[in-house]
Protein backbone atom coordinates (compact mmCIF):
# COMPACT_ATOMS: atom_id res chain seq x y z
CA MET A 1 -25.32 25.58 7.11
CA VAL A 2 -26.54 26.78 3.59
CA LEU A 3 -30.16 26.69 4.85
CA GLU A 4 -29.37 28.82 7.94
CA ASP A 5 -27.58 31.32 5.73
CA MET A 6 -30.58 31.45 3.45
CA ARG A 7 -32.93 32.01 6.37
CA ASP A 8 -30.77 34.95 7.54
CA ILE A 9 -30.91 36.53 4.09
CA MET A 10 -34.73 36.04 3.88
CA ASP A 11 -35.24 37.62 7.31
CA ARG A 12 -33.21 40.65 6.25
CA GLN A 13 -35.27 40.94 3.13
CA ASP A 14 -38.53 40.86 5.11
CA GLU A 15 -37.26 43.61 7.33
CA LYS A 16 -36.19 45.79 4.39
CA LEU A 17 -39.55 45.29 2.69
CA ALA A 18 -41.37 46.35 5.79
CA ASN A 19 -39.28 49.45 6.15
CA MET A 20 -39.86 50.32 2.54
CA LYS A 21 -43.62 49.88 2.99
CA ASN A 22 -43.63 52.20 5.95
CA ASP A 23 -41.74 54.84 3.89
CA GLN A 24 -44.19 54.46 1.02
CA SER A 25 -47.13 55.06 3.37
CA VAL A 26 -45.40 58.32 4.65
CA ASN A 27 -44.70 59.64 1.12
CA GLY A 28 -48.25 59.11 -0.03
CA ASN A 29 -50.29 57.46 -2.79
CA SER A 30 -49.00 59.99 -5.38
CA SER A 31 -45.45 58.73 -5.42
CA ARG A 32 -46.73 55.25 -5.75
CA ARG A 33 -48.96 56.20 -8.80
CA ASN A 34 -46.00 58.00 -10.43
CA ARG A 35 -43.87 54.80 -10.20
CA ARG A 36 -46.69 52.73 -11.60
CA ASN A 37 -47.01 55.17 -14.51
CA HIS A 38 -43.39 54.77 -15.34
CA GLY A 39 -43.64 50.96 -15.75
CA GLY A 40 -44.26 49.02 -12.53
CA SER A 41 -44.49 49.31 -8.74
CA GLU A 42 -41.67 49.80 -6.44
CA ASP A 43 -42.47 46.48 -4.68
CA ASP A 44 -41.85 44.77 -7.99
CA ASP A 45 -38.55 46.61 -8.45
CA PHE A 46 -37.55 45.82 -4.97
CA GLY A 47 -38.51 42.19 -5.39
CA ARG A 48 -36.60 41.72 -8.58
CA GLU A 49 -33.56 43.44 -7.13
CA ASN A 50 -33.56 41.25 -3.94
CA ARG A 51 -34.26 38.09 -5.91
CA GLY A 52 -31.14 38.63 -7.95
CA GLU A 53 -29.17 39.31 -4.77
CA THR A 54 -30.57 36.19 -3.24
CA LYS A 55 -29.77 34.04 -6.28
CA GLU A 56 -26.23 35.32 -6.25
CA LYS A 57 -25.59 34.67 -2.58
CA TYR A 58 -27.27 31.23 -2.93
CA ASP A 59 -25.02 30.34 -5.82
CA PHE A 60 -22.05 31.62 -3.77
CA LEU A 61 -22.91 29.45 -0.86
CA ILE A 62 -23.57 26.33 -2.89
CA GLY A 63 -20.17 26.90 -4.62
CA ARG A 64 -18.38 27.31 -1.34
CA ASN A 65 -19.97 24.20 0.11
CA LYS A 66 -18.98 22.27 -3.06
CA CYS A 67 -15.38 23.48 -2.74
CA ARG A 68 -15.35 22.27 0.89
CA GLY A 69 -16.56 18.87 -0.32
CA ASP A 70 -13.96 18.64 -2.95
CA ARG A 71 -11.27 19.63 -0.42
CA ARG A 72 -12.38 16.89 1.89
CA GLU A 73 -12.40 14.37 -0.84
CA ARG A 74 -8.85 15.35 -1.84
CA ASN A 75 -7.63 15.02 1.72
CA HIS A 76 -9.40 11.64 1.94
CA ARG A 77 -7.66 10.45 -1.19
CA ARG A 78 -4.28 11.68 0.12
CA PHE A 79 -4.99 9.74 3.40
CA ASP A 80 -5.64 6.55 1.36
CA CYS A 81 -2.41 6.99 -0.60
CA ARG A 82 -0.42 7.48 2.62
CA ASP A 83 -1.80 4.63 4.65
CA GLY A 84 -3.02 2.26 2.00
CA SER A 85 -1.18 -0.21 -0.05
CA LEU A 86 2.60 -0.14 -0.69
CA ASN A 87 2.32 0.23 -4.50
CA ASN A 88 3.62 3.74 -4.39
CA ILE A 89 6.84 2.73 -2.46
CA LYS A 90 9.81 2.13 -4.72
CA MET A 91 11.73 -1.09 -4.07
CA LYS A 92 14.93 -2.15 -5.72
CA ILE A 93 14.90 -5.61 -7.16
CA PRO A 94 18.08 -7.41 -5.92
CA SER A 95 20.47 -8.74 -8.40
CA PHE A 96 21.34 -12.36 -8.82
CA HIS A 97 24.77 -13.57 -10.17
CA GLY A 98 24.00 -17.22 -10.38
CA ARG A 99 26.56 -18.29 -7.82
CA ASN A 100 26.66 -22.13 -6.79
CA ASP A 101 25.65 -21.36 -3.26
CA PRO A 102 22.21 -22.71 -2.26
CA ARG A 103 22.02 -20.38 0.64
CA ILE A 104 22.58 -17.26 -1.40
CA TYR A 105 19.87 -18.38 -3.91
CA LEU A 106 17.26 -19.14 -1.32
CA GLU A 107 17.94 -15.82 0.41
CA TRP A 108 17.53 -14.06 -2.93
CA GLU A 109 14.34 -15.96 -3.69
CA LYS A 110 12.95 -15.04 -0.22
CA LYS A 111 13.61 -11.31 -0.92
CA MET A 112 11.76 -11.49 -4.22
CA GLU A 113 8.76 -13.09 -2.49
CA CYS A 114 8.68 -10.28 0.03
CA ILE A 115 8.80 -7.67 -2.80
CA PHE A 116 6.05 -9.32 -4.78
CA ASP A 117 3.89 -9.43 -1.55
CA CYS A 118 4.11 -5.74 -1.32
CA HIS A 119 3.31 -4.99 -4.99
CA ASN A 120 0.45 -6.31 -7.03
CA TYR A 121 2.51 -7.09 -10.06
CA SER A 122 1.17 -9.33 -12.86
CA ASP A 123 2.83 -12.62 -13.52
CA THR A 124 4.34 -11.36 -16.69
CA LYS A 125 5.73 -8.31 -15.04
CA LYS A 126 7.25 -10.43 -12.19
CA VAL A 127 9.23 -12.45 -14.72
CA LYS A 128 10.45 -9.40 -16.64
CA LEU A 129 11.53 -7.65 -13.43
CA VAL A 130 13.54 -10.76 -12.31
CA VAL A 131 15.20 -11.20 -15.62
CA ILE A 132 16.29 -7.62 -15.66
CA GLU A 133 18.41 -8.14 -12.60
CA PHE A 134 20.13 -11.31 -13.86
CA ILE A 135 23.94 -10.91 -14.04
CA ASP A 136 26.83 -13.08 -15.29
CA TYR A 137 26.10 -16.72 -15.04
CA ALA A 138 22.37 -16.30 -14.21
CA ILE A 139 21.56 -14.42 -17.39
CA MET A 140 23.50 -16.95 -19.50
CA LEU A 141 21.36 -19.82 -17.83
CA TRP A 142 18.14 -17.86 -18.57
CA ASP A 143 19.05 -17.33 -22.25
CA LYS A 144 19.84 -21.04 -22.48
CA LEU A 145 16.45 -21.99 -20.97
CA VAL A 146 14.58 -19.68 -23.26
CA LEU A 147 16.25 -21.03 -26.46
CA SER A 148 15.78 -24.65 -25.23
CA ARG A 149 12.05 -24.23 -24.61
CA ARG A 150 11.63 -22.33 -27.95
CA ARG A 151 13.50 -25.09 -29.82
CA ASP A 152 11.46 -27.91 -28.20
CA GLY A 153 8.11 -26.08 -28.96
CA ASP A 154 7.34 -25.43 -25.31
CA ARG A 155 5.57 -22.26 -24.34
CA PRO A 156 7.68 -19.54 -22.64
CA VAL A 157 7.87 -19.04 -18.91
CA GLU A 158 5.07 -16.64 -17.95
CA THR A 159 4.82 -16.86 -14.18
CA TRP A 160 7.09 -16.55 -11.13
CA ARG A 161 6.16 -20.06 -10.02
CA GLU A 162 7.23 -21.53 -13.37
CA MET A 163 10.55 -19.57 -13.17
CA LYS A 164 11.49 -20.76 -9.69
CA ALA A 165 11.27 -24.46 -10.61
CA PRO A 166 14.24 -24.67 -12.97
CA MET A 167 16.21 -22.30 -10.79
CA ARG A 168 15.72 -24.33 -7.69
CA LYS A 169 16.63 -27.41 -9.66
CA ARG A 170 19.83 -25.78 -10.79
CA PHE A 171 21.05 -23.92 -7.74
CA VAL A 172 19.61 -26.00 -4.82
CA PRO A 173 20.92 -29.63 -5.25
CA ASN A 174 18.95 -32.50 -3.77
CA HIS A 175 21.49 -33.26 -1.14
CA TYR A 176 21.39 -29.70 0.19
CA TYR A 177 18.82 -30.34 2.88
CA ILE A 178 20.23 -33.63 3.83
CA ASP A 179 23.56 -31.89 4.43
CA LEU A 180 21.77 -29.19 6.50
CA TYR A 181 20.18 -31.82 8.60
CA GLN A 182 23.42 -33.67 9.15
CA LYS A 183 25.09 -30.37 10.05
CA LEU A 184 22.27 -29.70 12.61
CA GLN A 185 22.82 -33.09 14.18
CA ARG A 186 26.58 -32.40 14.60
CA LEU A 187 26.14 -28.78 15.82
CA MET A 188 28.08 -28.06 19.05
CA GLN A 189 28.44 -25.00 21.22
CA GLY A 190 32.31 -24.88 21.22
CA SER A 191 33.58 -21.37 21.89
CA LYS A 192 30.22 -19.77 21.31
CA CYS A 193 28.10 -18.38 24.12
CA VAL A 194 24.79 -20.23 24.79
CA GLU A 195 22.81 -17.37 22.99
CA ASP A 196 24.84 -17.57 19.80
CA TYR A 197 24.75 -21.35 19.89
CA TYR A 198 20.93 -21.25 20.21
CA LYS A 199 20.66 -18.74 17.32
CA GLU A 200 22.77 -20.91 15.06
CA MET A 201 20.78 -23.97 15.94
CA GLU A 202 17.50 -22.16 15.25
CA MET A 203 18.78 -20.82 11.84
CA ALA A 204 19.96 -24.35 10.91
CA MET A 205 16.52 -25.93 11.76
CA VAL A 206 14.74 -23.17 9.59
CA ARG A 207 17.08 -23.79 6.71
CA ALA A 208 16.82 -27.46 6.87
CA ASP A 209 13.07 -27.27 7.34
CA ALA A 210 13.27 -29.71 10.29
CA ASN A 211 9.95 -30.43 12.04
CA GLU A 212 10.99 -32.24 15.24
CA ASP A 213 9.17 -32.83 18.39
CA ARG A 214 9.80 -30.46 21.28
CA GLU A 215 11.59 -33.08 23.30
CA ALA A 216 13.94 -34.10 20.46
CA THR A 217 14.87 -30.52 19.86
CA MET A 218 15.60 -29.92 23.69
CA ALA A 219 17.63 -33.18 23.77
CA GLN A 220 19.64 -32.16 20.72
CA PHE A 221 20.24 -28.66 22.31
CA LEU A 222 21.45 -30.16 25.59
CA ASN A 223 23.78 -32.55 23.79
CA GLY A 224 25.50 -29.74 21.94
CA LEU A 225 26.13 -27.70 25.08
CA ASN A 226 29.58 -27.67 26.75
CA LYS A 227 29.92 -30.32 29.51
CA GLU A 228 30.10 -27.79 32.35
CA ILE A 229 26.99 -26.06 31.27
CA THR A 230 25.20 -29.34 30.71
CA HIS A 231 25.84 -30.48 34.19
CA VAL A 232 24.45 -27.20 35.63
CA VAL A 233 21.37 -27.43 33.45
CA GLU A 234 20.82 -31.20 34.51
CA LEU A 235 21.10 -30.19 38.24
């Protein structure tokens, strides 16, 4: 585009130069000699004038093209910020009170994992963000852990993985998964509809981390159905 504009400018200059030469031939040689006696030819003056005009227009066109490029680059950066990573999205860190309920702790831990997947936090920052949201019993246990490690000469907790280990040991007892599996085995439909019974069974399997064969899961599901529904399914 810049080159095409320059060609148009040069064509107009050639046309002006040709017209000027025709006028000079009409006015005669005397006017040309007078101009030379005063310090140069008219062609030189015309050339200098048009060269200045050409340079100004060229600089203007280059500047305009540069502005367009900068504007496209800014738009591209805005597009990357809009559709790129989720680092610019503010997410609230959920609080943890330290209640003796393994299900509450595991749900809180899962939420933290999801937040850390969205943000590229360093290990040190992850630990600090978690500690800030400790409340009541949880912050007391954390202070106790820090003092104990410092007294024993152990290095401080620096990663989210190191932080989860003592918390799981404290809030998720060893018999938790055994209790979940036993509850799964005793699960019955009762007054629930079949869909709610299926959802409860599926959630219990996920929490218990049960990896059963498809046939065993189907047999367990059928055994928990009400008898009248079981007979229809068998037929």
